[in-house]
Amino acid sequence: MACTIIGRSSSTFTRVARIFAAELGVPYTLEVVRDLKSVEIQTYGGNPALKVPSMRTASSTWFGALNICRELARIAKRELCIVWPEALEHPLLANMQELVLHAMATEVGLIMSSLPEEAIETVHRSKMSNSLHNTLSWLDTHVAQALAALPEERHLSYLEACLFCLVTHLEFRKLVPTAPYPALAAFCQRFGERPSCEQTQFRFDA
């Protein structure tokens, strides 16, 4: 089945979907969204929320990284042991997933609010910045214990893919120094050795 992922090579959520596609061996083409200030729904593959990524297949369109990853797993010929968010019943793991997704969304908000025409310090922006730093500190403190609680037989988890993309994206965009978070850096170094990570490195689309 022909798949088109609509997003950006510099997008953290798009990279999550691309990592899953690579791990599952599903070929796709990347349709680049070049202007994130666009308010045209079709720019985002029909997503009315005006967000990336979306994925278009021969039969339908899927909005959001998690939806895309699930569909990739359904259509893939490879059968992998994947840990999805709903399987995280342990409070630590559930909180870890919640905070990683929160941090990813907060980072996007900070980036969009720092565009030249938008870069005005507000109470909301200050709160987002503090929220991101607090969350990273919590993640760094708990990441080793959380990863140890994941099923050993897994090939991939949505949590790990999101966490890797979050931390490496912070480095890529130079939004927040990651040196104060050594446990997160160690995790990213290990996870980043996967071919799927090498193939999807962040870059700005030409």
N, C-alpha and C. Protein backbone atom coordinates (compact mmCIF):
# COMPACT_ATOMS: atom_id res chain seq x y z
N MET A 1 0.85 -1.19 0.00
CA MET A 1 0.00 0.00 0.00
C MET A 1 0.88 1.24 0.00
N ALA A 2 0.58 2.19 -0.92
CA ALA A 2 1.35 3.42 -0.99
C ALA A 2 0.95 4.34 0.16
N CYS A 3 1.95 4.84 0.90
CA CYS A 3 1.70 5.73 2.03
C CYS A 3 2.42 7.05 1.80
N THR A 4 1.76 8.14 2.14
CA THR A 4 2.38 9.45 2.11
C THR A 4 2.26 10.06 3.49
N ILE A 5 3.39 10.34 4.12
CA ILE A 5 3.38 11.03 5.41
C ILE A 5 3.53 12.52 5.15
N ILE A 6 2.59 13.28 5.66
CA ILE A 6 2.56 14.72 5.44
C ILE A 6 3.10 15.38 6.70
N GLY A 7 4.26 16.00 6.59
CA GLY A 7 4.89 16.57 7.78
C GLY A 7 6.17 17.28 7.41
N ARG A 8 7.12 17.25 8.33
CA ARG A 8 8.39 17.94 8.13
C ARG A 8 9.53 17.11 8.71
N SER A 9 10.69 17.16 8.06
CA SER A 9 11.86 16.43 8.57
C SER A 9 12.35 17.02 9.87
N SER A 10 11.94 18.23 10.18
CA SER A 10 12.35 18.90 11.41
C SER A 10 11.32 18.77 12.52
N SER A 11 10.25 18.00 12.28
CA SER A 11 9.16 17.88 13.25
C SER A 11 9.34 16.67 14.15
N THR A 12 9.20 16.89 15.46
CA THR A 12 9.36 15.80 16.41
C THR A 12 8.27 14.74 16.25
N PHE A 13 7.01 15.17 16.06
CA PHE A 13 5.92 14.20 15.91
C PHE A 13 6.04 13.45 14.58
N THR A 14 6.47 14.14 13.53
CA THR A 14 6.67 13.47 12.25
C THR A 14 7.75 12.41 12.36
N ARG A 15 8.81 12.70 13.11
CA ARG A 15 9.89 11.73 13.23
C ARG A 15 9.43 10.47 13.95
N VAL A 16 8.54 10.60 14.93
CA VAL A 16 8.01 9.40 15.59
C VAL A 16 7.36 8.48 14.56
N ALA A 17 6.53 9.05 13.71
CA ALA A 17 5.86 8.25 12.68
C ALA A 17 6.87 7.64 11.71
N ARG A 18 7.88 8.38 11.35
CA ARG A 18 8.88 7.89 10.40
C ARG A 18 9.73 6.77 11.01
N ILE A 19 10.03 6.88 12.31
CA ILE A 19 10.76 5.81 12.98
C ILE A 19 9.94 4.52 12.96
N PHE A 20 8.64 4.62 13.24
CA PHE A 20 7.78 3.44 13.20
C PHE A 20 7.74 2.85 11.79
N ALA A 21 7.64 3.70 10.78
CA ALA A 21 7.61 3.20 9.40
C ALA A 21 8.89 2.45 9.08
N ALA A 22 10.03 2.99 9.51
CA ALA A 22 11.31 2.33 9.25
C ALA A 22 11.42 1.01 10.01
N GLU A 23 11.01 1.00 11.27
CA GLU A 23 11.08 -0.22 12.08
C GLU A 23 10.18 -1.31 11.51
N LEU A 24 9.03 -0.90 10.98
CA LEU A 24 8.05 -1.86 10.46
C LEU A 24 8.28 -2.20 9.00
N GLY A 25 9.21 -1.51 8.36
CA GLY A 25 9.51 -1.80 6.96
C GLY A 25 8.42 -1.36 6.00
N VAL A 26 7.71 -0.28 6.35
CA VAL A 26 6.65 0.22 5.48
C VAL A 26 7.21 1.39 4.66
N PRO A 27 7.26 1.26 3.33
CA PRO A 27 7.76 2.36 2.50
C PRO A 27 6.76 3.51 2.46
N TYR A 28 7.27 4.72 2.33
CA TYR A 28 6.41 5.89 2.29
C TYR A 28 7.14 7.02 1.57
N THR A 29 6.39 8.00 1.16
CA THR A 29 6.97 9.23 0.67
C THR A 29 6.63 10.34 1.68
N LEU A 30 7.51 11.31 1.80
CA LEU A 30 7.30 12.44 2.70
C LEU A 30 6.85 13.64 1.89
N GLU A 31 5.64 14.11 2.20
CA GLU A 31 5.12 15.34 1.59
C GLU A 31 5.37 16.48 2.58
N VAL A 32 6.25 17.38 2.22
CA VAL A 32 6.71 18.40 3.17
C VAL A 32 5.70 19.54 3.29
N VAL A 33 5.36 19.86 4.53
CA VAL A 33 4.57 21.05 4.84
C VAL A 33 5.57 22.19 5.02
N ARG A 34 5.59 23.10 4.10
CA ARG A 34 6.65 24.10 4.09
C ARG A 34 6.32 25.35 4.90
N ASP A 35 5.04 25.61 5.15
CA ASP A 35 4.68 26.82 5.88
C ASP A 35 3.74 26.47 7.02
N LEU A 36 4.28 26.41 8.24
CA LEU A 36 3.46 26.07 9.40
C LEU A 36 2.55 27.22 9.84
N LYS A 37 2.70 28.38 9.20
CA LYS A 37 1.79 29.48 9.50
C LYS A 37 0.53 29.41 8.64
N SER A 38 0.51 28.47 7.71
CA SER A 38 -0.66 28.32 6.84
C SER A 38 -1.89 27.93 7.66
N VAL A 39 -3.02 28.48 7.28
CA VAL A 39 -4.29 28.13 7.93
C VAL A 39 -5.19 27.36 6.96
N GLU A 40 -4.60 26.84 5.90
CA GLU A 40 -5.34 26.04 4.93
C GLU A 40 -5.32 24.58 5.35
N ILE A 41 -6.48 23.98 5.52
CA ILE A 41 -6.58 22.61 6.00
C ILE A 41 -5.83 21.64 5.09
N GLN A 42 -5.92 21.83 3.78
CA GLN A 42 -5.29 20.89 2.87
C GLN A 42 -3.77 20.91 2.95
N THR A 43 -3.20 21.99 3.48
CA THR A 43 -1.76 22.05 3.69
C THR A 43 -1.31 20.92 4.62
N TYR A 44 -2.19 20.54 5.53
CA TYR A 44 -1.88 19.54 6.56
C TYR A 44 -2.55 18.19 6.26
N GLY A 45 -2.75 17.92 4.99
CA GLY A 45 -3.34 16.64 4.60
C GLY A 45 -4.80 16.51 4.99
N GLY A 46 -5.49 17.65 5.14
CA GLY A 46 -6.90 17.62 5.50
C GLY A 46 -7.16 17.66 7.00
N ASN A 47 -6.12 17.75 7.81
CA ASN A 47 -6.29 17.77 9.26
C ASN A 47 -6.86 19.13 9.69
N PRO A 48 -8.08 19.15 10.22
CA PRO A 48 -8.69 20.43 10.60
C PRO A 48 -8.01 21.11 11.77
N ALA A 49 -7.20 20.35 12.54
CA ALA A 49 -6.45 20.94 13.65
C ALA A 49 -5.22 21.71 13.18
N LEU A 50 -4.92 21.62 11.87
CA LEU A 50 -3.77 22.33 11.28
C LEU A 50 -2.46 21.89 11.92
N LYS A 51 -2.29 20.57 12.06
CA LYS A 51 -1.10 20.01 12.70
C LYS A 51 -0.49 18.93 11.82
N VAL A 52 0.80 18.69 12.04
CA VAL A 52 1.49 17.56 11.41
C VAL A 52 1.86 16.56 12.51
N PRO A 53 1.97 15.29 12.10
CA PRO A 53 1.83 14.74 10.76
C PRO A 53 0.43 14.21 10.48
N SER A 54 0.17 13.98 9.20
CA SER A 54 -0.96 13.19 8.74
C SER A 54 -0.39 12.12 7.83
N MET A 55 -1.16 11.10 7.56
CA MET A 55 -0.72 10.08 6.61
C MET A 55 -1.87 9.72 5.68
N ARG A 56 -1.58 9.76 4.40
CA ARG A 56 -2.57 9.43 3.38
C ARG A 56 -2.24 8.06 2.79
N THR A 57 -3.23 7.17 2.78
CA THR A 57 -3.08 5.87 2.14
C THR A 57 -4.11 5.78 1.02
N ALA A 58 -4.14 4.65 0.33
CA ALA A 58 -5.08 4.48 -0.77
C ALA A 58 -6.52 4.50 -0.28
N SER A 59 -6.73 4.16 1.00
CA SER A 59 -8.09 4.02 1.50
C SER A 59 -8.54 5.13 2.44
N SER A 60 -7.60 5.84 3.07
CA SER A 60 -8.02 6.82 4.06
C SER A 60 -6.87 7.76 4.41
N THR A 61 -7.18 8.70 5.33
CA THR A 61 -6.18 9.62 5.86
C THR A 61 -6.22 9.54 7.38
N TRP A 62 -5.02 9.52 7.97
CA TRP A 62 -4.89 9.38 9.43
C TRP A 62 -4.24 10.63 9.98
N PHE A 63 -4.82 11.18 11.05
CA PHE A 63 -4.31 12.40 11.68
C PHE A 63 -3.54 12.05 12.95
N GLY A 64 -2.33 12.60 13.10
CA GLY A 64 -1.57 12.46 14.34
C GLY A 64 -0.63 11.28 14.36
N ALA A 65 0.46 11.43 15.12
CA ALA A 65 1.52 10.42 15.14
C ALA A 65 1.04 9.07 15.64
N LEU A 66 0.27 9.04 16.72
CA LEU A 66 -0.16 7.75 17.27
C LEU A 66 -1.07 7.02 16.31
N ASN A 67 -2.04 7.71 15.72
CA ASN A 67 -2.91 7.08 14.73
C ASN A 67 -2.11 6.51 13.57
N ILE A 68 -1.13 7.29 13.11
CA ILE A 68 -0.29 6.84 11.99
C ILE A 68 0.50 5.59 12.38
N CYS A 69 1.09 5.61 13.55
CA CYS A 69 1.89 4.46 13.99
C CYS A 69 1.03 3.20 14.09
N ARG A 70 -0.18 3.34 14.59
CA ARG A 70 -1.07 2.17 14.67
C ARG A 70 -1.40 1.63 13.28
N GLU A 71 -1.68 2.53 12.34
CA GLU A 71 -2.01 2.07 11.00
C GLU A 71 -0.80 1.44 10.33
N LEU A 72 0.37 1.99 10.54
CA LEU A 72 1.59 1.39 9.99
C LEU A 72 1.77 -0.03 10.51
N ALA A 73 1.49 -0.24 11.79
CA ALA A 73 1.60 -1.59 12.37
C ALA A 73 0.58 -2.54 11.77
N ARG A 74 -0.61 -2.02 11.45
CA ARG A 74 -1.65 -2.88 10.86
C ARG A 74 -1.30 -3.31 9.45
N ILE A 75 -0.71 -2.41 8.67
CA ILE A 75 -0.46 -2.74 7.26
C ILE A 75 0.91 -3.35 7.03
N ALA A 76 1.78 -3.33 8.03
CA ALA A 76 3.14 -3.85 7.86
C ALA A 76 3.14 -5.36 7.69
N LYS A 77 4.09 -5.83 6.93
CA LYS A 77 4.29 -7.27 6.80
C LYS A 77 5.08 -7.83 7.97
N ARG A 78 5.85 -6.98 8.62
CA ARG A 78 6.59 -7.41 9.80
C ARG A 78 5.67 -7.43 11.02
N GLU A 79 5.84 -8.42 11.84
CA GLU A 79 5.09 -8.49 13.09
C GLU A 79 6.06 -8.22 14.24
N LEU A 80 5.92 -7.09 14.85
CA LEU A 80 6.81 -6.69 15.94
C LEU A 80 6.04 -6.63 17.25
N CYS A 81 6.76 -6.83 18.34
CA CYS A 81 6.16 -6.67 19.67
C CYS A 81 6.26 -5.19 20.04
N ILE A 82 5.14 -4.49 19.92
CA ILE A 82 5.09 -3.05 20.16
C ILE A 82 4.29 -2.78 21.42
N VAL A 83 4.81 -1.95 22.29
CA VAL A 83 4.11 -1.55 23.50
C VAL A 83 3.41 -0.22 23.23
N TRP A 84 2.08 -0.25 23.25
CA TRP A 84 1.28 0.94 22.98
C TRP A 84 0.93 1.65 24.29
N PRO A 85 0.52 2.92 24.24
CA PRO A 85 0.24 3.66 25.47
C PRO A 85 -0.79 3.01 26.38
N GLU A 86 -1.81 2.37 25.82
CA GLU A 86 -2.85 1.77 26.66
C GLU A 86 -2.36 0.58 27.47
N ALA A 87 -1.19 0.06 27.10
CA ALA A 87 -0.63 -1.07 27.85
C ALA A 87 0.16 -0.61 29.07
N LEU A 88 0.35 0.69 29.22
CA LEU A 88 1.15 1.22 30.32
C LEU A 88 0.27 1.40 31.55
N GLU A 89 0.02 0.31 32.25
CA GLU A 89 -0.87 0.35 33.42
C GLU A 89 -0.15 0.73 34.70
N HIS A 90 1.16 0.58 34.72
CA HIS A 90 1.94 0.99 35.89
C HIS A 90 1.93 2.52 35.96
N PRO A 91 1.66 3.11 37.14
CA PRO A 91 1.58 4.57 37.25
C PRO A 91 2.81 5.30 36.72
N LEU A 92 3.99 4.76 36.99
CA LEU A 92 5.21 5.42 36.53
C LEU A 92 5.24 5.50 35.01
N LEU A 93 4.93 4.39 34.35
CA LEU A 93 4.96 4.36 32.89
C LEU A 93 3.87 5.25 32.30
N ALA A 94 2.67 5.18 32.88
CA ALA A 94 1.57 6.01 32.39
C ALA A 94 1.90 7.49 32.53
N ASN A 95 2.47 7.87 33.67
CA ASN A 95 2.87 9.26 33.89
C ASN A 95 4.00 9.66 32.96
N MET A 96 4.92 8.75 32.72
CA MET A 96 6.02 9.03 31.81
C MET A 96 5.48 9.34 30.41
N GLN A 97 4.57 8.51 29.91
CA GLN A 97 4.00 8.75 28.58
C GLN A 97 3.25 10.08 28.53
N GLU A 98 2.46 10.35 29.55
CA GLU A 98 1.70 11.61 29.61
C GLU A 98 2.64 12.81 29.58
N LEU A 99 3.70 12.77 30.36
CA LEU A 99 4.61 13.91 30.45
C LEU A 99 5.46 14.08 29.20
N VAL A 100 5.82 12.97 28.57
CA VAL A 100 6.58 13.07 27.32
C VAL A 100 5.73 13.76 26.25
N LEU A 101 4.48 13.33 26.11
CA LEU A 101 3.60 13.95 25.12
C LEU A 101 3.33 15.42 25.46
N HIS A 102 3.18 15.70 26.74
CA HIS A 102 2.99 17.09 27.17
C HIS A 102 4.21 17.93 26.80
N ALA A 103 5.40 17.40 27.06
CA ALA A 103 6.63 18.14 26.75
C ALA A 103 6.77 18.36 25.25
N MET A 104 6.40 17.37 24.45
CA MET A 104 6.48 17.52 23.00
C MET A 104 5.57 18.65 22.52
N ALA A 105 4.35 18.68 23.04
CA ALA A 105 3.40 19.73 22.66
C ALA A 105 3.86 21.09 23.18
N THR A 106 4.41 21.13 24.39
CA THR A 106 4.89 22.38 24.96
C THR A 106 6.04 22.94 24.14
N GLU A 107 6.94 22.07 23.71
CA GLU A 107 8.06 22.53 22.90
C GLU A 107 7.57 23.16 21.61
N VAL A 108 6.59 22.52 20.96
CA VAL A 108 6.04 23.08 19.73
C VAL A 108 5.45 24.46 20.00
N GLY A 109 4.73 24.59 21.12
CA GLY A 109 4.15 25.89 21.48
C GLY A 109 5.21 26.95 21.68
N LEU A 110 6.31 26.59 22.32
CA LEU A 110 7.40 27.54 22.54
C LEU A 110 8.06 27.95 21.23
N ILE A 111 8.25 26.97 20.35
CA ILE A 111 8.87 27.28 19.06
C ILE A 111 7.98 28.22 18.25
N MET A 112 6.69 27.91 18.18
CA MET A 112 5.77 28.74 17.40
C MET A 112 5.64 30.14 17.99
N SER A 113 5.70 30.22 19.33
CA SER A 113 5.54 31.53 19.97
C SER A 113 6.82 32.35 19.94
N SER A 114 7.91 31.75 19.47
CA SER A 114 9.18 32.48 19.40
C SER A 114 9.51 32.93 17.98
N LEU A 115 8.57 32.71 17.04
CA LEU A 115 8.78 33.23 15.69
C LEU A 115 8.92 34.74 15.75
N PRO A 116 9.70 35.34 14.84
CA PRO A 116 10.01 36.77 14.95
C PRO A 116 8.80 37.67 15.19
N GLU A 117 7.70 37.39 14.50
CA GLU A 117 6.54 38.25 14.65
C GLU A 117 5.70 37.92 15.87
N GLU A 118 6.07 36.82 16.58
CA GLU A 118 5.30 36.40 17.74
C GLU A 118 6.09 36.47 19.05
N ALA A 119 7.36 36.82 18.96
CA ALA A 119 8.26 36.68 20.10
C ALA A 119 8.04 37.78 21.14
N ILE A 120 6.94 37.68 21.86
CA ILE A 120 6.63 38.58 22.95
C ILE A 120 6.48 37.73 24.21
N GLU A 121 7.27 38.02 25.23
CA GLU A 121 7.22 37.24 26.47
C GLU A 121 5.88 37.46 27.15
N THR A 122 5.20 36.38 27.46
CA THR A 122 3.91 36.46 28.12
C THR A 122 3.92 35.53 29.32
N VAL A 123 2.91 35.68 30.17
CA VAL A 123 2.77 34.77 31.30
C VAL A 123 2.63 33.35 30.82
N HIS A 124 1.87 33.14 29.73
CA HIS A 124 1.67 31.80 29.21
C HIS A 124 2.98 31.20 28.71
N ARG A 125 3.77 31.99 27.98
CA ARG A 125 5.05 31.49 27.48
C ARG A 125 6.00 31.17 28.63
N SER A 126 6.01 32.01 29.64
CA SER A 126 6.86 31.76 30.81
C SER A 126 6.45 30.46 31.51
N LYS A 127 5.15 30.26 31.62
CA LYS A 127 4.67 29.03 32.25
C LYS A 127 5.05 27.81 31.41
N MET A 128 4.94 27.92 30.08
CA MET A 128 5.33 26.80 29.21
C MET A 128 6.80 26.46 29.40
N SER A 129 7.64 27.47 29.50
CA SER A 129 9.07 27.24 29.67
C SER A 129 9.36 26.54 31.00
N ASN A 130 8.76 27.01 32.06
CA ASN A 130 8.94 26.37 33.36
C ASN A 130 8.40 24.95 33.36
N SER A 131 7.26 24.76 32.71
CA SER A 131 6.66 23.43 32.61
C SER A 131 7.60 22.46 31.91
N LEU A 132 8.22 22.92 30.83
CA LEU A 132 9.12 22.05 30.07
C LEU A 132 10.34 21.67 30.91
N HIS A 133 10.93 22.63 31.59
CA HIS A 133 12.10 22.34 32.43
C HIS A 133 11.74 21.39 33.58
N ASN A 134 10.60 21.65 34.21
CA ASN A 134 10.17 20.77 35.30
C ASN A 134 9.95 19.34 34.81
N THR A 135 9.33 19.23 33.65
CA THR A 135 9.02 17.91 33.08
C THR A 135 10.30 17.17 32.73
N LEU A 136 11.26 17.86 32.12
CA LEU A 136 12.52 17.22 31.77
C LEU A 136 13.26 16.72 33.02
N SER A 137 13.22 17.49 34.07
CA SER A 137 13.85 17.06 35.32
C SER A 137 13.20 15.80 35.86
N TRP A 138 11.87 15.74 35.80
CA TRP A 138 11.14 14.56 36.27
C TRP A 138 11.47 13.35 35.40
N LEU A 139 11.47 13.56 34.09
CA LEU A 139 11.78 12.46 33.17
C LEU A 139 13.19 11.94 33.40
N ASP A 140 14.15 12.84 33.60
CA ASP A 140 15.53 12.43 33.82
C ASP A 140 15.66 11.61 35.10
N THR A 141 14.91 11.98 36.12
CA THR A 141 14.97 11.27 37.39
C THR A 141 14.37 9.87 37.29
N HIS A 142 13.35 9.71 36.47
CA HIS A 142 12.59 8.47 36.47
C HIS A 142 12.80 7.59 35.24
N VAL A 143 13.58 8.04 34.26
CA VAL A 143 13.65 7.30 33.00
C VAL A 143 14.21 5.89 33.17
N ALA A 144 15.24 5.72 33.96
CA ALA A 144 15.85 4.39 34.11
C ALA A 144 14.85 3.40 34.72
N GLN A 145 14.15 3.83 35.76
CA GLN A 145 13.17 2.96 36.40
C GLN A 145 12.02 2.65 35.46
N ALA A 146 11.60 3.64 34.69
CA ALA A 146 10.48 3.42 33.77
C ALA A 146 10.84 2.44 32.67
N LEU A 147 12.01 2.60 32.08
CA LEU A 147 12.43 1.70 31.00
C LEU A 147 12.59 0.27 31.52
N ALA A 148 13.05 0.13 32.74
CA ALA A 148 13.20 -1.21 33.33
C ALA A 148 11.85 -1.88 33.53
N ALA A 149 10.78 -1.09 33.64
CA ALA A 149 9.45 -1.64 33.86
C ALA A 149 8.75 -2.04 32.57
N LEU A 150 9.31 -1.67 31.43
CA LEU A 150 8.72 -2.07 30.15
C LEU A 150 8.97 -3.54 29.89
N PRO A 151 8.09 -4.22 29.13
CA PRO A 151 8.30 -5.64 28.83
C PRO A 151 9.62 -5.89 28.14
N GLU A 152 10.36 -6.86 28.61
CA GLU A 152 11.68 -7.14 28.04
C GLU A 152 11.59 -7.62 26.59
N GLU A 153 10.49 -8.27 26.25
CA GLU A 153 10.37 -8.86 24.91
C GLU A 153 9.98 -7.86 23.84
N ARG A 154 9.79 -6.60 24.21
CA ARG A 154 9.34 -5.61 23.24
C ARG A 154 10.41 -5.38 22.17
N HIS A 155 9.96 -5.04 20.99
CA HIS A 155 10.86 -4.56 19.96
C HIS A 155 10.88 -3.04 19.94
N LEU A 156 9.73 -2.46 20.27
CA LEU A 156 9.59 -1.02 20.18
C LEU A 156 8.44 -0.59 21.08
N SER A 157 8.52 0.60 21.62
CA SER A 157 7.39 1.16 22.36
C SER A 157 7.17 2.59 21.89
N TYR A 158 5.91 3.00 21.91
CA TYR A 158 5.58 4.37 21.53
C TYR A 158 6.24 5.35 22.50
N LEU A 159 6.31 4.97 23.76
CA LEU A 159 6.94 5.81 24.77
C LEU A 159 8.39 6.09 24.42
N GLU A 160 9.16 5.06 24.11
CA GLU A 160 10.58 5.24 23.83
C GLU A 160 10.80 6.08 22.58
N ALA A 161 10.01 5.83 21.55
CA ALA A 161 10.16 6.60 20.31
C ALA A 161 9.88 8.07 20.56
N CYS A 162 8.82 8.36 21.33
CA CYS A 162 8.47 9.75 21.63
C CYS A 162 9.54 10.41 22.49
N LEU A 163 10.02 9.70 23.49
CA LEU A 163 11.04 10.26 24.38
C LEU A 163 12.31 10.58 23.61
N PHE A 164 12.74 9.67 22.76
CA PHE A 164 13.93 9.90 21.95
C PHE A 164 13.74 11.13 21.06
N CYS A 165 12.60 11.22 20.40
CA CYS A 165 12.37 12.35 19.49
C CYS A 165 12.28 13.66 20.26
N LEU A 166 11.68 13.64 21.44
CA LEU A 166 11.60 14.85 22.25
C LEU A 166 12.98 15.38 22.60
N VAL A 167 13.82 14.56 23.18
CA VAL A 167 15.12 15.03 23.68
C VAL A 167 16.03 15.43 22.53
N THR A 168 16.06 14.64 21.47
CA THR A 168 16.93 14.98 20.34
C THR A 168 16.42 16.22 19.61
N HIS A 169 15.11 16.44 19.64
CA HIS A 169 14.58 17.64 19.00
C HIS A 169 14.95 18.90 19.78
N LEU A 170 14.97 18.79 21.10
CA LEU A 170 15.41 19.92 21.92
C LEU A 170 16.84 20.30 21.57
N GLU A 171 17.68 19.31 21.34
CA GLU A 171 19.06 19.57 20.94
C GLU A 171 19.11 20.19 19.55
N PHE A 172 18.33 19.63 18.64
CA PHE A 172 18.31 20.10 17.25
C PHE A 172 17.88 21.57 17.17
N ARG A 173 16.84 21.92 17.92
CA ARG A 173 16.33 23.29 17.86
C ARG A 173 17.04 24.23 18.84
N LYS A 174 17.92 23.66 19.67
CA LYS A 174 18.66 24.46 20.67
C LYS A 174 17.71 25.30 21.52
N LEU A 175 16.58 24.69 21.87
CA LEU A 175 15.58 25.38 22.66
C LEU A 175 15.89 25.30 24.15
N VAL A 176 16.34 24.12 24.58
CA VAL A 176 16.67 23.88 25.98
C VAL A 176 17.96 23.08 26.04
N PRO A 177 18.95 23.49 26.81
CA PRO A 177 20.16 22.67 26.96
C PRO A 177 19.80 21.32 27.58
N THR A 178 20.32 20.24 27.01
CA THR A 178 20.02 18.91 27.53
C THR A 178 21.13 18.35 28.40
N ALA A 179 22.24 19.08 28.52
CA ALA A 179 23.35 18.61 29.36
C ALA A 179 22.95 18.35 30.81
N PRO A 180 22.01 19.11 31.39
CA PRO A 180 21.62 18.84 32.78
C PRO A 180 20.83 17.55 32.96
N TYR A 181 20.58 16.82 31.88
CA TYR A 181 19.74 15.62 31.97
C TYR A 181 20.51 14.40 31.45
N PRO A 182 21.50 13.93 32.22
CA PRO A 182 22.39 12.87 31.73
C PRO A 182 21.69 11.53 31.50
N ALA A 183 20.68 11.22 32.29
CA ALA A 183 19.98 9.94 32.10
C ALA A 183 19.23 9.93 30.78
N LEU A 184 18.64 11.05 30.43
CA LEU A 184 17.95 11.16 29.15
C LEU A 184 18.95 11.08 28.00
N ALA A 185 20.10 11.71 28.17
CA ALA A 185 21.13 11.67 27.13
C ALA A 185 21.63 10.25 26.92
N ALA A 186 21.81 9.50 28.00
CA ALA A 186 22.28 8.12 27.88
C ALA A 186 21.25 7.26 27.17
N PHE A 187 19.97 7.47 27.49
CA PHE A 187 18.92 6.73 26.79
C PHE A 187 18.95 7.04 25.29
N CYS A 188 19.06 8.32 24.94
CA CYS A 188 19.05 8.71 23.53
C CYS A 188 20.25 8.14 22.78
N GLN A 189 21.38 8.06 23.46
CA GLN A 189 22.56 7.49 22.80
C GLN A 189 22.32 6.03 22.46
N ARG A 190 21.71 5.28 23.38
CA ARG A 190 21.43 3.86 23.12
C ARG A 190 20.36 3.69 22.05
N PHE A 191 19.25 4.38 22.23
CA PHE A 191 18.13 4.23 21.29
C PHE A 191 18.51 4.74 19.90
N GLY A 192 19.35 5.77 19.87
CA GLY A 192 19.73 6.38 18.60
C GLY A 192 20.62 5.53 17.73
N GLU A 193 21.10 4.40 18.24
CA GLU A 193 21.91 3.49 17.43
C GLU A 193 21.07 2.68 16.46
N ARG A 194 19.76 2.71 16.60
CA ARG A 194 18.89 1.98 15.67
C ARG A 194 19.00 2.58 14.27
N PRO A 195 18.99 1.73 13.23
CA PRO A 195 18.99 2.25 11.86
C PRO A 195 17.83 3.20 11.58
N SER A 196 16.68 2.95 12.21
CA SER A 196 15.52 3.81 11.99
C SER A 196 15.79 5.23 12.46
N CYS A 197 16.60 5.38 13.49
CA CYS A 197 16.95 6.72 13.98
C CYS A 197 17.98 7.38 13.08
N GLU A 198 18.93 6.59 12.61
CA GLU A 198 19.93 7.12 11.69
C GLU A 198 19.28 7.61 10.41
N GLN A 199 18.24 6.91 9.96
CA GLN A 199 17.58 7.24 8.69
C GLN A 199 16.67 8.45 8.78
N THR A 200 16.31 8.87 9.98
CA THR A 200 15.30 9.92 10.14
C THR A 200 15.83 11.13 10.90
N GLN A 201 17.11 11.38 10.81
CA GLN A 201 17.69 12.47 11.58
C GLN A 201 17.02 13.80 11.24
N PHE A 202 16.87 14.64 12.27
CA PHE A 202 16.25 15.94 12.07
C PHE A 202 17.05 16.79 11.11
N ARG A 203 16.35 17.47 10.25
CA ARG A 203 16.97 18.45 9.34
C ARG A 203 15.87 19.40 8.86
N PHE A 204 16.28 20.55 8.40
CA PHE A 204 15.33 21.50 7.83
C PHE A 204 15.18 21.16 6.34
N ASP A 205 13.95 21.00 5.90
CA ASP A 205 13.69 20.66 4.50
C ASP A 205 14.08 21.83 3.60
N ALA A 206 14.70 21.50 2.49
CA ALA A 206 15.15 22.54 1.54
C ALA A 206 13.95 23.20 0.88
